[in-house]
């Protein structure tokens, strides 16, 4: 039987709100920032809700 893979990093990537919704960080805000406008970078800093199709998989990752 193979070892179970840990999903330890899911704790840092996702946050569960008080209502049980899952927040995630937005992409495209790590590098090549010179060509992006200040407004775009500012909005990319905010967290957004995870897509409904991904929520069951994320919940399993957080429980493991």
C-alpha atoms as a PDB file:
ATOM      1  CA  UNK A   1       0.000   0.000   0.000  1.00  0.00           C
ATOM      2  CA  UNK A   2       1.528   3.375  -0.963  1.00  0.00           C
ATOM      3  CA  UNK A   3       1.998   6.115   1.581  1.00  0.00           C
ATOM      4  CA  UNK A   4      -0.744   8.731   1.858  1.00  0.00           C
ATOM      5  CA  UNK A   5       0.296  12.062   0.402  1.00  0.00           C
ATOM      6  CA  UNK A   6      -0.096  14.929   2.837  1.00  0.00           C
ATOM      7  CA  UNK A   7      -1.957  18.075   1.814  1.00  0.00           C
ATOM      8  CA  UNK A   8      -0.253  20.233   4.413  1.00  0.00           C
ATOM      9  CA  UNK A   9       0.156  23.235   2.111  1.00  0.00           C
ATOM     10  CA  UNK A  10      -3.611  23.469   1.573  1.00  0.00           C
ATOM     11  CA  UNK A  11      -3.832  25.094   5.002  1.00  0.00           C
ATOM     12  CA  UNK A  12      -1.765  28.007   3.758  1.00  0.00           C
ATOM     13  CA  UNK A  13      -3.314  28.274   0.294  1.00  0.00           C
ATOM     14  CA  UNK A  14      -6.964  28.316   1.339  1.00  0.00           C
ATOM     15  CA  UNK A  15      -8.987  29.889   4.126  1.00  0.00           C
ATOM     16  CA  UNK A  16     -12.435  28.798   5.289  1.00  0.00           C
ATOM     17  CA  UNK A  17     -14.807  31.627   6.204  1.00  0.00           C
ATOM     18  CA  UNK A  18     -17.259  31.554   9.114  1.00  0.00           C
ATOM     19  CA  UNK A  19     -20.034  30.552   6.706  1.00  0.00           C
ATOM     20  CA  UNK A  20     -17.979  27.647   5.338  1.00  0.00           C
ATOM     21  CA  UNK A  21     -17.011  29.255   2.035  1.00  0.00           C
ATOM     22  CA  UNK A  22     -13.440  28.840   0.798  1.00  0.00           C
ATOM     23  CA  UNK A  23     -11.211  31.772  -0.095  1.00  0.00           C
ATOM     24  CA  UNK A  24      -8.186  31.542  -2.361  1.00  0.00           C
ATOM     25  CA  UNK A  25      -5.503  33.957  -3.500  1.00  0.00           C
ATOM     26  CA  UNK A  26      -5.496  35.287  -7.055  1.00  0.00           C
ATOM     27  CA  UNK A  27      -2.797  34.438  -9.530  1.00  0.00           C
ATOM     28  CA  UNK A  28      -0.653  36.776 -11.671  1.00  0.00           C
ATOM     29  CA  UNK A  29       0.679  38.871  -8.797  1.00  0.00           C
ATOM     30  CA  UNK A  30       4.096  37.264  -8.215  1.00  0.00           C
ATOM     31  CA  UNK A  31       6.403  38.434 -10.995  1.00  0.00           C
ATOM     32  CA  UNK A  32       6.451  40.503 -14.204  1.00  0.00           C
ATOM     33  CA  UNK A  33       4.686  43.258 -12.278  1.00  0.00           C
ATOM     34  CA  UNK A  34       6.166  46.187 -14.199  1.00  0.00           C
ATOM     35  CA  UNK A  35       3.743  45.956 -17.093  1.00  0.00           C
ATOM     36  CA  UNK A  36       0.674  45.608 -14.853  1.00  0.00           C
ATOM     37  CA  UNK A  37      -1.147  48.708 -13.730  1.00  0.00           C
ATOM     38  CA  UNK A  38      -1.336  49.724 -10.064  1.00  0.00           C
ATOM     39  CA  UNK A  39      -5.090  49.206 -10.108  1.00  0.00           C
ATOM     40  CA  UNK A  40      -4.714  45.681 -11.460  1.00  0.00           C
ATOM     41  CA  UNK A  41      -2.058  44.772  -8.877  1.00  0.00           C
ATOM     42  CA  UNK A  42      -4.170  46.225  -6.076  1.00  0.00           C
ATOM     43  CA  UNK A  43      -7.193  44.107  -7.015  1.00  0.00           C
ATOM     44  CA  UNK A  44      -5.025  40.996  -7.395  1.00  0.00           C
ATOM     45  CA  UNK A  45      -4.001  41.306  -3.728  1.00  0.00           C
ATOM     46  CA  UNK A  46      -7.530  40.546  -2.551  1.00  0.00           C
ATOM     47  CA  UNK A  47      -8.775  37.021  -1.929  1.00  0.00           C
ATOM     48  CA  UNK A  48     -11.684  35.632  -3.905  1.00  0.00           C
ATOM     49  CA  UNK A  49     -14.074  32.731  -3.441  1.00  0.00           C
ATOM     50  CA  UNK A  50     -12.969  29.394  -4.837  1.00  0.00           C
ATOM     51  CA  UNK A  51     -14.964  28.067  -7.779  1.00  0.00           C
ATOM     52  CA  UNK A  52     -17.873  25.802  -6.821  1.00  0.00           C
ATOM     53  CA  UNK A  53     -16.470  22.963  -8.934  1.00  0.00           C
ATOM     54  CA  UNK A  54     -13.230  22.979  -6.917  1.00  0.00           C
ATOM     55  CA  UNK A  55     -14.748  23.247  -3.436  1.00  0.00           C
ATOM     56  CA  UNK A  56     -15.253  19.486  -2.785  1.00  0.00           C
ATOM     57  CA  UNK A  57     -11.640  18.730  -3.760  1.00  0.00           C
ATOM     58  CA  UNK A  58     -10.318  21.577  -1.601  1.00  0.00           C
ATOM     59  CA  UNK A  59     -12.381  20.367   1.376  1.00  0.00           C
ATOM     60  CA  UNK A  60     -10.885  16.878   1.019  1.00  0.00           C
ATOM     61  CA  UNK A  61      -7.404  18.399   0.863  1.00  0.00           C
ATOM     62  CA  UNK A  62      -8.024  20.405   4.042  1.00  0.00           C
ATOM     63  CA  UNK A  63      -9.294  17.367   5.938  1.00  0.00           C
ATOM     64  CA  UNK A  64      -6.430  15.065   4.956  1.00  0.00           C
END
